[in-house]
């Protein structure tokens, strides 16, 4: 893994796609979906960008599930799209 902690591991695939694996017990906010649930992650360059995008998404009335929070792998926030899919920045 290119990043690893007790609850999280990130791998970069040959295509450049990043695959993050997170132990269910460590996920914030706790997932509501049963098996097969997932979220889409958007990697950004800096923690400041996470905060700026959070403000921008709030301004567009996005449903914020987790405000900007420092986690094992860095700063992150989670929103839900109109269908309830989790979007992590």
Protein backbone atom coordinates (compact mmCIF):
# COMPACT_ATOMS: atom_id res chain seq x y z
CA UNK A 1 0.00 0.00 0.00
CA UNK A 2 1.03 3.61 -0.59
CA UNK A 3 -0.77 4.55 2.64
CA UNK A 4 -1.47 2.26 5.58
CA UNK A 5 -2.86 2.58 9.09
CA UNK A 6 -4.56 0.16 11.48
CA UNK A 7 -7.95 0.79 9.83
CA UNK A 8 -7.12 1.86 6.25
CA UNK A 9 -4.92 0.90 3.26
CA UNK A 10 -4.57 2.68 -0.10
CA UNK A 11 -3.24 0.99 -3.23
CA UNK A 12 -2.46 2.60 -6.59
CA UNK A 13 -3.37 0.27 -9.45
CA UNK A 14 -1.33 0.11 -12.71
CA UNK A 15 -4.02 2.22 -14.43
CA UNK A 16 -3.46 4.98 -11.85
CA UNK A 17 -6.80 4.29 -10.15
CA UNK A 18 -6.57 4.43 -6.36
CA UNK A 19 -8.24 1.68 -4.31
CA UNK A 20 -8.85 2.40 -0.64
CA UNK A 21 -9.87 -0.33 1.78
CA UNK A 22 -11.30 0.71 5.12
CA UNK A 23 -12.35 -1.53 7.99
CA UNK A 24 -16.09 -1.13 8.51
CA UNK A 25 -15.69 -0.45 12.23
CA UNK A 26 -13.48 2.57 11.53
CA UNK A 27 -15.65 4.29 8.90
CA UNK A 28 -16.91 7.77 9.76
CA UNK A 29 -19.81 8.35 9.48
CA UNK A 30 -20.89 4.73 10.04
CA UNK A 31 -22.22 3.16 6.83
CA UNK A 32 -25.96 2.56 6.67
CA UNK A 33 -25.88 0.18 3.68
CA UNK A 34 -25.67 -3.57 4.13
CA UNK A 35 -23.23 -5.68 2.08
CA UNK A 36 -22.50 -4.18 -1.33
CA UNK A 37 -22.69 -0.58 -0.08
CA UNK A 38 -19.92 1.72 -1.25
CA UNK A 39 -18.89 5.33 -1.63
CA UNK A 40 -17.08 7.27 -4.34
CA UNK A 41 -13.97 9.14 -3.26
CA UNK A 42 -12.52 12.26 -4.88
CA UNK A 43 -8.84 12.88 -4.13
CA UNK A 44 -7.79 16.52 -3.87
CA UNK A 45 -4.33 18.04 -3.46
CA UNK A 46 -4.58 19.72 -0.05
CA UNK A 47 -6.55 19.81 3.19
CA UNK A 48 -7.42 23.44 2.38
CA UNK A 49 -9.09 22.23 -0.81
CA UNK A 50 -11.20 19.78 1.24
CA UNK A 51 -12.43 22.70 3.33
CA UNK A 52 -13.08 24.93 0.29
CA UNK A 53 -15.04 22.21 -1.51
CA UNK A 54 -17.07 21.53 1.63
CA UNK A 55 -18.14 25.19 1.72
CA UNK A 56 -18.89 25.12 -2.03
CA UNK A 57 -20.97 21.92 -1.77
CA UNK A 58 -22.87 23.29 1.24
CA UNK A 59 -23.66 26.37 -0.86
CA UNK A 60 -25.24 24.04 -3.42
CA UNK A 61 -27.41 22.43 -0.69
CA UNK A 62 -25.53 19.12 -0.69
CA UNK A 63 -26.52 16.79 2.14
CA UNK A 64 -23.37 16.73 4.30
CA UNK A 65 -23.03 13.48 6.26
CA UNK A 66 -19.64 14.31 7.82
CA UNK A 67 -18.10 17.79 7.98
CA UNK A 68 -14.36 18.16 7.32
CA UNK A 69 -12.63 15.80 9.74
CA UNK A 70 -9.03 14.63 10.14
CA UNK A 71 -8.98 10.82 9.75
CA UNK A 72 -6.25 8.15 9.50
CA UNK A 73 -5.65 8.90 5.81
CA UNK A 74 -6.05 12.68 5.90
CA UNK A 75 -8.71 15.38 5.94
CA UNK A 76 -12.07 14.37 4.48
CA UNK A 77 -15.77 15.20 4.31
CA UNK A 78 -18.70 13.09 3.15
CA UNK A 79 -21.83 14.20 1.30
CA UNK A 80 -24.74 12.29 -0.20
CA UNK A 81 -25.94 12.73 -3.75
CA UNK A 82 -29.70 13.04 -4.42
CA UNK A 83 -29.99 9.23 -4.50
CA UNK A 84 -28.21 8.84 -1.16
CA UNK A 85 -24.86 7.60 -2.54
CA UNK A 86 -21.91 8.62 -0.38
CA UNK A 87 -19.38 11.00 -1.93
CA UNK A 88 -16.11 11.47 -0.03
CA UNK A 89 -13.68 14.29 -0.75
